[in-house]
Amino acid sequence: MITRIIKDVNTAVKEITDGNVISLPTETVYGLAGDALNPDAVLKIFEVKNRPSFNPLIVHINSIDDISVYGEEIPEELYKIAEKFSPGPITYVVKKKQIIPDIVTAGLDSVALRIPAHPLFSEVIRISGKPVAAPSANMFGRISPTNALDVLKELNGKIKFILDGGECNVGIESTVISFTEALRSGTINILRPGFITKEEIEDVSGIKINPEINSGQVIVYNNYRETDSGIIKPVEDREINLLSPGMLKNHYAPLTPLFLTDDIDYFLTNYIPAAGVINLETFGSLHNIAVNLFRVLREYDEKKFEYIVVSKVKNFGIGTAINDRLTKASAGFVRIQNNELIFIGK
């Protein structure tokens, strides 16, 4: 199969309505899209990405009014938040209606709904008249793509078309908030931090955010192996019950092992040929770091270092989402002891 980068929305619409999958641009990252009401199309998404069936998908819809078409028991607080932030990089988990196939939600009775802000994705939804399931357009667990060329590198030969919408202007996946349980205790659960921050949601809704981010059960890695270089990698996963995409302990990862460090200056001042050193401070603001994060991870991955090192940012606002992605992308932590590098597996 030949994969082509295109700019024709009508071709994209035809792929969706024909039950095929196609990569579509969103403001966050590029998605691998299919008709959310067509189980066969959704199955193709899982097959192309090699995505495990226990990991639910986000359903992209056209408007706030569509939330009640595919979800039920919608609280007023959700609409208050949606009026402020949707269309945009925020996803709402609510009780699902039976019209949504179980394969989309991994058998759960809840569904994740988002109204994308990218004009091309919005146009595809509007013209096709279909809700669109669309996880990131990369192989499962790898770095999310933020432009059409990066999708081509990941999925060349696996899909027919990539709709080119330019560089994503957000750069990290949407914030995911759940209303299925939390409001009973007067809080909202953030299942995945993103561009829309905890503080912004609290200001608009007047409701507290559950302080425990990612409060559902997540994948736990119990076994590790050590490579010839001393780098420890997870090799086996365990019991899972995911409420939302983005809740895996290991995700967004480059093929090159990535290690977090509290002493990035050591790596910047000491030449270590094996290490690809990412200094996020060069991007300036947290906003710019978020926009460029996946791009720079992919860039360093392609340079074929033995490992990559990076430090977390301030854990506030968008920084919370950046640190979430770095933690999940990492293979562990590296510290300096007596001028030696000590690698610690996650």
Protein backbone atom coordinates (compact mmCIF):
# COMPACT_ATOMS: atom_id res chain seq x y z
CA MET A 1 0.00 0.00 0.00
CA ILE A 2 1.29 3.46 -0.92
CA THR A 3 0.66 6.20 1.66
CA ARG A 4 0.07 9.68 0.27
CA ILE A 5 0.02 13.06 1.98
CA ILE A 6 -3.00 14.97 0.66
CA LYS A 7 -4.81 18.27 1.16
CA ASP A 8 -8.23 17.24 -0.20
CA VAL A 9 -10.90 17.13 2.52
CA ASN A 10 -13.36 15.29 0.27
CA THR A 11 -10.95 12.37 -0.08
CA ALA A 12 -10.67 12.24 3.70
CA VAL A 13 -14.45 12.27 4.05
CA LYS A 14 -14.77 9.40 1.57
CA GLU A 15 -12.24 7.33 3.52
CA ILE A 16 -14.27 7.83 6.70
CA THR A 17 -17.65 7.06 5.10
CA ASP A 18 -16.21 4.02 3.27
CA GLY A 19 -15.15 2.50 6.58
CA ASN A 20 -11.42 3.07 6.09
CA VAL A 21 -8.89 4.77 8.34
CA ILE A 22 -6.96 7.95 7.58
CA SER A 23 -4.69 10.29 9.49
CA LEU A 24 -6.29 13.64 10.26
CA PRO A 25 -4.74 16.75 11.83
CA THR A 26 -5.97 18.09 15.15
CA GLU A 27 -4.73 21.05 17.15
CA THR A 28 -3.10 18.62 19.60
CA VAL A 29 -1.47 15.82 17.56
CA TYR A 30 -2.33 13.98 14.33
CA GLY A 31 -4.96 11.29 14.78
CA LEU A 32 -5.61 7.92 13.12
CA ALA A 33 -9.28 8.32 12.30
CA GLY A 34 -12.20 6.07 11.53
CA ASP A 35 -16.01 6.09 11.83
CA ALA A 36 -16.69 5.60 15.54
CA LEU A 37 -20.04 3.93 14.82
CA ASN A 38 -18.50 1.33 12.50
CA PRO A 39 -16.92 -1.51 14.55
CA ASP A 40 -14.96 -2.74 11.52
CA ALA A 41 -13.42 0.70 10.99
CA VAL A 42 -12.55 0.96 14.68
CA LEU A 43 -10.95 -2.47 14.56
CA LYS A 44 -8.73 -1.23 11.72
CA ILE A 45 -7.49 1.57 14.00
CA PHE A 46 -6.44 -0.96 16.62
CA GLU A 47 -4.81 -3.18 14.00
CA VAL A 48 -2.86 -0.39 12.27
CA LYS A 49 -1.51 0.97 15.57
CA ASN A 50 -1.05 -2.44 17.17
CA ARG A 51 -3.04 -0.91 20.00
CA PRO A 52 -4.28 -3.22 22.77
CA SER A 53 -8.04 -3.66 22.94
CA PHE A 54 -8.18 -2.65 26.61
CA ASN A 55 -7.28 0.96 25.73
CA PRO A 56 -10.42 3.01 24.92
CA LEU A 57 -10.58 5.62 22.15
CA ILE A 58 -11.66 9.25 22.13
CA VAL A 59 -14.68 10.01 19.93
CA HIS A 60 -14.47 13.35 18.13
CA ILE A 61 -17.74 15.14 17.54
CA ASN A 62 -18.96 18.27 15.80
CA SER A 63 -20.53 20.42 18.52
CA ILE A 64 -21.53 20.73 22.16
CA ASP A 65 -25.03 19.59 21.17
CA ASP A 66 -23.56 16.24 20.06
CA ILE A 67 -22.42 15.42 23.60
CA SER A 68 -25.96 14.39 24.48
CA VAL A 69 -26.27 12.39 21.23
CA TYR A 70 -23.52 9.97 22.28
CA GLY A 71 -23.47 10.40 26.06
CA GLU A 72 -26.09 10.57 28.79
CA GLU A 73 -26.52 11.81 32.34
CA ILE A 74 -24.58 14.93 31.30
CA PRO A 75 -24.05 17.28 34.27
CA GLU A 76 -24.53 21.03 33.87
CA GLU A 77 -20.95 21.54 35.01
CA LEU A 78 -19.71 19.84 31.83
CA TYR A 79 -21.61 22.29 29.64
CA LYS A 80 -20.19 25.21 31.58
CA ILE A 81 -16.66 23.95 30.90
CA ALA A 82 -17.44 23.09 27.28
CA GLU A 83 -18.80 26.58 26.58
CA LYS A 84 -15.39 27.96 27.58
CA PHE A 85 -12.96 25.40 26.16
CA SER A 86 -14.68 23.56 23.31
CA PRO A 87 -13.89 23.28 20.46
CA GLY A 88 -10.42 22.71 21.85
CA PRO A 89 -7.96 20.35 23.54
CA ILE A 90 -10.24 18.95 26.23
CA THR A 91 -12.07 15.60 26.41
CA TYR A 92 -15.11 14.71 28.54
CA VAL A 93 -15.72 11.21 29.88
CA VAL A 94 -19.42 10.56 30.46
CA LYS A 95 -21.78 7.61 30.55
CA LYS A 96 -22.18 6.33 27.00
CA LYS A 97 -25.27 5.68 24.95
CA GLN A 98 -25.66 2.28 23.31
CA ILE A 99 -25.09 3.81 19.87
CA ILE A 100 -21.35 3.77 20.67
CA PRO A 101 -19.90 0.28 19.96
CA ASP A 102 -18.21 -1.47 22.86
CA ILE A 103 -14.96 -1.79 20.88
CA VAL A 104 -14.58 2.00 21.07
CA THR A 105 -14.82 2.10 24.86
CA ALA A 106 -13.01 -1.18 25.64
CA GLY A 107 -16.30 -2.51 27.01
CA LEU A 108 -16.73 0.30 29.53
CA ASP A 109 -20.09 2.02 30.05
CA SER A 110 -18.43 5.44 29.60
CA VAL A 111 -17.22 7.24 26.49
CA ALA A 112 -14.61 9.97 25.97
CA LEU A 113 -15.92 12.82 23.78
CA ARG A 114 -13.99 15.74 22.28
CA ILE A 115 -14.79 18.62 19.93
CA PRO A 116 -11.60 19.28 17.95
CA ALA A 117 -10.66 22.85 17.03
CA HIS A 118 -8.65 22.09 13.89
CA PRO A 119 -10.72 23.34 10.93
CA LEU A 120 -9.89 20.38 8.65
CA PHE A 121 -10.86 17.76 11.23
CA SER A 122 -14.04 19.71 12.01
CA GLU A 123 -14.89 19.84 8.33
CA VAL A 124 -14.44 16.09 7.92
CA ILE A 125 -16.81 15.44 10.83
CA ARG A 126 -19.36 17.94 9.53
CA ILE A 127 -19.39 16.73 5.92
CA SER A 128 -19.29 13.01 6.75
CA GLY A 129 -21.92 13.32 9.48
CA LYS A 130 -19.93 10.75 11.48
CA PRO A 131 -18.43 10.84 14.96
CA VAL A 132 -14.77 10.00 14.49
CA ALA A 133 -12.61 7.81 16.72
CA ALA A 134 -9.01 8.98 16.49
CA PRO A 135 -6.11 8.07 18.76
CA SER A 136 -2.69 9.48 17.86
CA ALA A 137 -1.40 8.41 14.44
CA ASN A 138 1.63 6.41 15.59
CA MET A 139 2.45 2.88 16.55
CA PHE A 140 1.19 2.09 20.02
CA GLY A 141 3.27 3.52 22.85
CA ARG A 142 5.47 5.66 20.60
CA ILE A 143 5.89 9.40 20.15
CA SER A 144 2.76 11.21 18.97
CA PRO A 145 3.18 12.93 15.57
CA THR A 146 2.65 16.68 15.22
CA ASN A 147 2.97 16.97 11.43
CA ALA A 148 2.11 14.94 8.35
CA LEU A 149 5.70 13.85 7.65
CA ASP A 150 6.03 12.33 11.13
CA VAL A 151 2.84 10.34 10.51
CA LEU A 152 4.32 9.09 7.24
CA LYS A 153 7.45 7.91 9.08
CA GLU A 154 5.27 5.95 11.52
CA LEU A 155 2.53 4.56 9.30
CA ASN A 156 3.93 4.46 5.78
CA GLY A 157 2.35 1.55 3.93
CA LYS A 158 -0.28 0.97 6.62
CA ILE A 159 -2.86 3.60 5.54
CA LYS A 160 -3.71 5.21 2.20
CA PHE A 161 -3.86 8.89 3.11
CA ILE A 162 -2.64 11.54 5.52
CA LEU A 163 -4.56 14.81 5.44
CA ASP A 164 -1.97 17.57 5.78
CA GLY A 165 -3.06 20.31 8.16
CA GLY A 166 0.36 21.73 8.94
CA GLU A 167 2.08 21.68 12.33
CA CYS A 168 -0.14 21.12 15.35
CA ASN A 169 -0.34 24.33 17.38
CA VAL A 170 -0.87 22.66 20.78
CA GLY A 171 1.51 19.73 20.47
CA ILE A 172 0.36 17.49 23.34
CA GLU A 173 -2.82 15.48 23.71
CA SER A 174 -6.01 16.86 25.18
CA THR A 175 -6.83 17.14 28.85
CA VAL A 176 -9.23 14.34 29.80
CA ILE A 177 -11.71 14.94 32.61
CA SER A 178 -14.25 12.48 33.97
CA PHE A 179 -17.76 13.19 35.24
CA THR A 180 -18.78 9.58 35.75
CA GLU A 181 -18.09 9.36 39.49
CA ALA A 182 -16.37 12.45 40.81
CA LEU A 183 -19.27 14.89 41.01
CA ARG A 184 -20.86 12.77 43.71
CA SER A 185 -18.04 13.96 45.96
CA GLY A 186 -18.02 17.50 44.61
CA THR A 187 -14.90 17.06 42.47
CA ILE A 188 -13.88 16.40 38.88
CA ASN A 189 -11.30 13.74 38.01
CA ILE A 190 -8.49 14.58 35.61
CA LEU A 191 -7.63 11.29 33.92
CA ARG A 192 -4.96 12.84 31.70
CA PRO A 193 -3.45 16.30 32.17
CA GLY A 194 -3.18 18.40 29.03
CA PHE A 195 -3.10 21.88 27.55
CA ILE A 196 -6.22 22.98 29.44
CA THR A 197 -4.97 23.13 33.00
CA LYS A 198 -6.39 22.12 36.36
CA GLU A 199 -6.46 25.76 37.44
CA GLU A 200 -8.37 26.88 34.34
CA ILE A 201 -11.01 24.17 34.76
CA GLU A 202 -11.49 25.01 38.44
CA ASP A 203 -11.84 28.72 37.67
CA VAL A 204 -14.54 28.14 35.06
CA SER A 205 -16.47 25.37 36.77
CA GLY A 206 -16.16 26.41 40.42
CA ILE A 207 -15.53 22.72 41.18
CA LYS A 208 -12.44 21.24 42.79
CA ILE A 209 -10.22 18.95 40.78
CA ASN A 210 -9.47 15.62 42.41
CA PRO A 211 -5.84 16.09 43.53
CA GLU A 212 -4.96 12.56 42.45
CA ILE A 213 -4.18 12.85 38.75
CA ASN A 214 -4.79 9.69 36.72
CA SER A 215 -7.01 8.31 39.45
CA GLY A 216 -8.04 5.16 37.55
CA GLN A 217 -6.12 1.89 37.58
CA VAL A 218 -3.12 2.01 35.30
CA ILE A 219 -0.79 -0.51 33.77
CA VAL A 220 1.93 -1.70 36.13
CA TYR A 221 5.25 -3.02 34.89
CA ASN A 222 6.56 -5.72 37.21
CA ASN A 223 9.49 -7.17 35.26
CA TYR A 224 12.54 -5.43 33.85
CA ARG A 225 15.60 -6.48 31.90
CA GLU A 226 19.04 -4.90 31.73
CA THR A 227 20.65 -4.21 28.35
CA ASP A 228 24.37 -4.42 27.58
CA SER A 229 24.67 -0.71 28.32
CA GLY A 230 23.18 -1.10 31.77
CA ILE A 231 19.86 0.48 30.77
CA ILE A 232 16.80 -1.14 32.31
CA LYS A 233 13.64 -1.57 30.22
CA PRO A 234 10.17 -2.91 31.08
CA VAL A 235 9.30 -6.18 29.35
CA GLU A 236 5.94 -7.26 30.69
CA ASP A 237 2.67 -5.57 31.59
CA ARG A 238 -0.02 -6.57 34.04
CA GLU A 239 -3.69 -6.14 34.88
CA ILE A 240 -5.36 -3.06 33.44
CA ASN A 241 -8.64 -1.20 33.75
CA LEU A 242 -8.26 2.05 31.83
CA LEU A 243 -10.93 4.74 31.97
CA SER A 244 -9.31 6.90 29.31
CA PRO A 245 -6.52 7.02 26.75
CA GLY A 246 -3.22 8.28 28.10
CA MET A 247 -3.37 6.42 31.42
CA LEU A 248 -0.67 3.87 30.70
CA LYS A 249 2.44 4.03 32.82
CA ASN A 250 4.61 3.74 29.70
CA HIS A 251 3.58 5.76 26.67
CA TYR A 252 4.74 8.47 24.21
CA ALA A 253 8.17 6.77 24.21
CA PRO A 254 11.01 7.10 21.71
CA LEU A 255 12.73 3.90 20.61
CA THR A 256 15.89 5.30 22.19
CA PRO A 257 15.62 4.89 25.99
CA LEU A 258 14.83 8.23 27.60
CA PHE A 259 15.99 8.96 31.14
CA LEU A 260 14.97 11.78 33.44
CA THR A 261 17.60 13.64 35.44
CA ASP A 262 17.67 16.31 38.13
CA ASP A 263 21.07 17.49 36.91
CA ILE A 264 20.77 18.41 33.25
CA ASP A 265 23.67 20.87 33.70
CA TYR A 266 26.02 17.93 34.24
CA PHE A 267 25.16 16.59 30.80
CA LEU A 268 25.33 20.02 29.21
CA THR A 269 28.81 20.71 30.57
CA ASN A 270 30.30 17.21 30.18
CA TYR A 271 30.56 15.70 26.72
CA ILE A 272 29.04 12.20 26.78
CA PRO A 273 28.93 10.81 23.21
CA ALA A 274 26.28 8.20 24.04
CA ALA A 275 23.82 10.75 25.42
CA GLY A 276 21.38 12.89 23.52
CA VAL A 277 20.84 15.85 25.84
CA ILE A 278 17.57 17.79 25.54
CA ASN A 279 17.56 21.19 27.23
CA LEU A 280 13.90 22.18 27.33
CA GLU A 281 14.78 25.61 28.72
CA THR A 282 15.87 26.67 25.23
CA PHE A 283 12.19 26.80 24.25
CA GLY A 284 11.48 29.46 26.87
CA SER A 285 7.86 29.26 27.98
CA LEU A 286 5.97 26.16 29.06
CA HIS A 287 3.64 26.78 26.14
CA ASN A 288 6.53 26.56 23.66
CA ILE A 289 7.88 23.46 25.38
CA ALA A 290 4.49 21.74 25.02
CA VAL A 291 4.24 22.66 21.34
CA ASN A 292 7.74 21.35 20.59
CA LEU A 293 8.01 18.41 23.01
CA PHE A 294 7.09 15.51 20.73
CA ARG A 295 8.92 17.04 17.77
CA VAL A 296 12.20 17.30 19.68
CA LEU A 297 11.81 13.80 21.17
CA ARG A 298 11.39 12.41 17.67
CA GLU A 299 14.34 14.45 16.40
CA TYR A 300 16.66 13.07 19.08
CA ASP A 301 15.29 9.55 18.62
CA GLU A 302 16.28 9.67 14.95
CA LYS A 303 19.85 10.70 15.86
CA LYS A 304 20.39 7.17 17.27
CA PHE A 305 22.00 8.07 20.57
CA GLU A 306 22.44 5.24 23.04
CA TYR A 307 20.06 7.07 25.36
CA ILE A 308 18.38 10.47 25.78
CA VAL A 309 18.35 12.58 28.94
CA VAL A 310 16.01 15.41 29.87
CA SER A 311 14.82 17.18 33.00
CA LYS A 312 11.23 17.83 34.03
CA VAL A 313 9.84 21.36 34.08
CA LYS A 314 8.02 23.26 36.82
CA ASN A 315 5.05 21.12 37.80
CA PHE A 316 2.38 23.80 37.43
CA GLY A 317 -0.19 24.61 34.75
CA ILE A 318 0.84 23.14 31.39
CA GLY A 319 4.00 21.92 33.09
CA THR A 320 1.93 19.19 34.75
CA ALA A 321 1.02 17.78 31.33
CA ILE A 322 4.59 18.09 30.04
CA ASN A 323 5.92 16.19 33.05
CA ASP A 324 3.21 13.56 32.63
CA ARG A 325 4.39 12.91 29.05
CA LEU A 326 8.06 12.87 30.06
CA THR A 327 7.43 10.45 32.92
CA LYS A 328 5.47 8.05 30.72
CA ALA A 329 8.00 8.33 27.89
CA SER A 330 10.92 7.59 30.17
CA ALA A 331 12.66 4.30 30.86
CA GLY A 332 13.65 5.53 34.28
CA PHE A 333 15.98 7.96 36.03
CA VAL A 334 19.68 8.70 35.79
CA ARG A 335 21.62 10.24 38.65
CA ILE A 336 25.24 11.21 39.08
CA GLN A 337 27.17 9.65 41.93
CA ASN A 338 30.92 10.17 42.36
CA ASN A 339 31.03 11.43 38.77
CA GLU A 340 29.48 8.19 37.54
CA LEU A 341 26.08 7.69 35.90
CA ILE A 342 23.63 5.46 37.75
CA PHE A 343 20.65 4.29 35.67
CA ILE A 344 17.54 3.37 37.63
CA GLY A 345 14.63 1.62 35.88
CA LYS A 346 11.11 2.92 36.22
